[in-house]
Protein backbone atom coordinates (compact mmCIF):
# COMPACT_ATOMS: atom_id res chain seq x y z
CA MET A 1 180.26 19.12 155.60
CA LYS A 2 178.48 18.50 152.36
CA ASN A 3 180.37 15.13 151.96
CA ARG A 4 180.22 13.67 155.46
CA LEU A 5 176.46 14.20 155.66
CA ALA A 6 175.84 12.43 152.13
CA ALA A 7 178.25 9.49 153.20
CA ALA A 8 175.94 9.35 156.10
CA ASN A 9 173.20 8.83 153.89
CA PRO A 10 173.19 7.20 150.37
CA VAL A 11 170.03 9.00 148.90
CA LEU A 12 171.37 12.33 149.98
CA GLU A 13 174.55 11.40 148.29
CA ILE A 14 172.81 10.29 145.13
CA GLN A 15 170.44 13.40 145.23
CA LEU A 16 173.95 15.93 145.80
CA TYR A 17 175.40 14.06 142.26
CA LEU A 18 172.50 14.21 140.69
CA ASN A 19 172.06 18.03 140.85
CA ASP A 20 175.66 18.35 140.32
CA ILE A 21 175.35 16.33 137.10
CA ALA A 22 172.15 18.73 136.32
CA GLN A 23 174.50 21.63 136.22
CA VAL A 24 176.11 20.27 133.49
CA HIS A 25 173.12 18.30 131.89
CA PRO A 26 170.40 20.24 132.04
CA GLU A 27 167.89 17.40 130.92
CA ILE A 28 167.93 15.63 134.17
CA PRO A 29 165.88 17.79 136.73
CA LEU A 30 166.95 18.85 139.80
CA VAL A 31 165.90 17.50 142.84
CA TYR A 32 165.30 18.47 146.63
CA PRO A 33 168.19 17.53 149.03
CA THR A 34 166.23 15.58 151.32
CA GLY A 35 167.47 12.38 151.95
CA ARG A 36 164.53 10.64 151.06
CA TYR A 37 163.47 8.46 147.97
CA ASP A 38 160.48 10.56 146.81
CA ASP A 39 159.04 11.09 143.40
CA ARG A 40 161.25 13.91 142.40
CA THR A 41 164.73 11.64 143.34
CA ARG A 42 162.65 8.58 141.29
CA ASN A 43 162.20 11.15 138.39
CA ALA A 44 165.66 12.68 138.03
CA VAL A 45 167.04 8.65 138.17
CA THR A 46 164.80 7.77 135.58
CA GLU A 47 165.71 11.01 133.33
CA PHE A 48 169.25 10.25 134.24
CA GLN A 49 168.88 6.47 132.82
CA LYS A 50 166.83 7.78 129.91
CA PHE A 51 169.82 9.88 129.16
CA PHE A 52 172.79 7.89 129.51
CA SER A 53 170.62 4.71 127.38
CA LEU A 54 170.59 2.80 130.84
CA PRO A 55 167.50 0.50 131.53
CA VAL A 56 164.73 2.71 132.65
CA THR A 57 163.62 1.89 135.98
CA GLY A 58 163.48 4.79 138.47
CA VAL A 59 165.62 2.84 140.56
CA VAL A 60 169.54 3.25 141.74
CA ASP A 61 171.05 -0.25 140.94
CA LEU A 62 174.66 -1.29 140.68
CA GLU A 63 174.74 0.17 136.65
CA THR A 64 172.92 3.21 137.37
CA TRP A 65 175.26 3.98 140.64
CA ASN A 66 178.28 3.25 138.79
CA LYS A 67 177.25 5.80 135.96
CA ILE A 68 176.55 8.50 138.59
CA LEU A 69 179.94 8.06 139.90
CA SER A 70 181.37 8.10 136.59
CA GLU A 71 179.70 10.79 135.20
CA HIS A 72 179.84 13.02 138.59
CA LYS A 73 183.78 12.71 138.16
CA ARG A 74 183.55 13.47 134.67
CA CYS A 75 181.45 17.03 135.71
CA SER A 76 183.36 17.80 138.26
CA HIS A 77 185.89 19.75 136.59
CA CYS A 78 182.99 21.95 135.13
CA ILE A 79 181.01 22.36 138.51
CA ASN A 80 183.84 23.02 140.98
CA THR A 81 185.61 26.18 141.77
CA PRO A 82 189.36 25.89 140.81
CA SER A 83 191.73 26.13 143.68
CA THR A 84 193.60 29.08 144.25
CA VAL A 85 197.24 29.51 144.72
CA ALA A 86 198.94 30.45 147.33
CA CYS A 87 201.68 32.49 146.15
CA PHE A 88 203.38 34.94 149.08
CA PRO A 89 206.44 33.26 150.01
CA SER A 90 205.74 32.16 153.49
CA ASN A 91 209.84 33.10 154.30
CA ILE A 92 209.62 36.65 153.43
CA THR A 93 207.30 39.34 155.36
CA GLU A 94 207.54 41.88 153.06
CA PHE A 95 209.02 43.19 149.30
CA LYS A 96 210.01 46.64 149.04
CA LEU A 97 212.28 48.89 146.19
CA GLY A 98 214.80 46.96 144.52
CA ASP A 99 213.86 43.69 145.35
CA GLN A 100 213.49 40.73 142.62
CA ASN A 101 211.50 37.99 142.76
CA ASN A 102 209.02 35.89 140.70
CA PHE A 103 205.98 37.05 143.10
CA ILE A 104 206.42 40.41 142.02
CA TYR A 105 205.46 39.61 138.53
CA ILE A 106 201.96 38.40 140.14
CA LEU A 107 201.87 41.86 142.17
CA GLN A 108 202.11 43.74 139.11
CA ILE A 109 199.80 41.99 137.31
CA VAL A 110 196.91 42.40 140.15
CA LEU A 111 197.90 45.96 140.44
CA ASN A 112 197.68 46.42 136.67
CA ASN A 113 194.19 44.99 136.96
CA PHE A 114 193.11 47.25 139.11
CA LYS A 115 194.40 50.30 136.58
CA ARG A 116 191.97 47.97 134.11
CA LYS A 117 189.00 48.63 136.08
CA TYR A 118 189.79 51.89 137.71
CA VAL A 119 190.92 54.83 135.60
CA ASN A 120 192.79 56.33 138.70
CA TYR A 121 195.26 53.77 139.08
CA VAL A 122 198.86 53.80 138.06
CA GLU A 123 199.75 51.18 135.05
CA VAL A 124 202.77 48.96 136.29
CA PRO A 125 205.36 47.43 133.60
CA ILE A 126 205.50 43.52 134.70
CA THR A 127 209.26 42.98 135.21
CA GLY A 128 209.45 41.04 138.35
CA ILE A 129 211.24 43.88 139.90
CA PHE A 130 210.04 46.09 142.67
CA ASP A 131 210.76 49.09 140.39
CA GLU A 132 209.60 53.03 141.38
CA LYS A 133 206.22 52.56 139.42
CA THR A 134 205.50 49.19 141.53
CA GLU A 135 206.27 51.33 144.44
CA GLU A 136 204.28 54.17 143.56
CA ALA A 137 201.25 51.63 142.44
CA VAL A 138 201.67 50.38 145.90
CA LYS A 139 201.63 53.41 147.66
CA GLN A 140 198.30 54.25 145.97
CA PHE A 141 196.63 51.24 146.68
CA GLN A 142 197.78 51.68 150.57
CA ARG A 143 195.92 55.42 150.19
CA MET A 144 192.54 54.16 148.54
CA SER A 145 192.54 51.23 151.05
CA ASP A 146 192.91 53.13 154.16
CA LEU A 147 196.24 51.46 154.94
CA PRO A 148 199.69 53.29 156.41
CA VAL A 149 201.37 54.38 153.25
CA THR A 150 204.59 52.85 153.21
CA GLY A 151 205.60 51.61 149.35
CA VAL A 152 206.14 48.23 151.05
CA LEU A 153 204.25 45.47 150.21
CA ASP A 154 203.79 43.60 153.74
CA ARG A 155 201.33 41.25 154.55
CA GLU A 156 198.60 43.28 155.33
CA THR A 157 198.96 45.09 151.96
CA TRP A 158 198.78 41.67 149.95
CA ASN A 159 195.86 40.38 151.84
CA THR A 160 193.65 43.24 151.62
CA LEU A 161 195.13 44.01 147.75
CA ASN A 162 194.27 40.15 147.09
CA LEU A 163 190.65 40.58 149.07
CA ILE A 164 189.67 43.48 146.96
CA ASN A 165 190.95 41.76 143.72
CA SER A 166 188.66 38.88 144.47
CA THR A 167 185.97 41.08 145.31
CA CYS A 168 186.15 42.88 142.01
CA ARG A 169 186.15 39.55 139.98
CA LEU A 170 182.82 38.81 141.14
CA TYR A 171 181.89 41.98 139.11
CA ASP A 172 183.88 41.22 135.67
């Protein structure tokens, strides 16, 4: 949505880009993304031009625009949230005792993350094998999450595990 709005209004695009760049370079003041080239926007452009040794005019000419684009691209790795990895295999519906798969390494790491945060969770050796300890930890998680206690990692259990793990990361 943000990109579609910005594409329809070049001033809004400038404002959004300057605000993103300001997250990395706090010398550049934040602007209200109004879509209007107001005094705050002119001031932010002026400070941007000073900071990057461009002719200081307060106007976004081609040289300034190209620098805004290149700097925004350069800064984007610092300001954008990293992409997540979809790791639950699409062709498998569940994992159970005795299964061996690279995904089980991820499961065991996530389960141990709960152990690190909550003393009452079972520690699981990271083997890539759905062994008795992994089954015990999955059952424990299911019990504590009010899921059917089967010891089998199905999609519902994985989605709940992933949701709680993501929420817990907010408090790291």
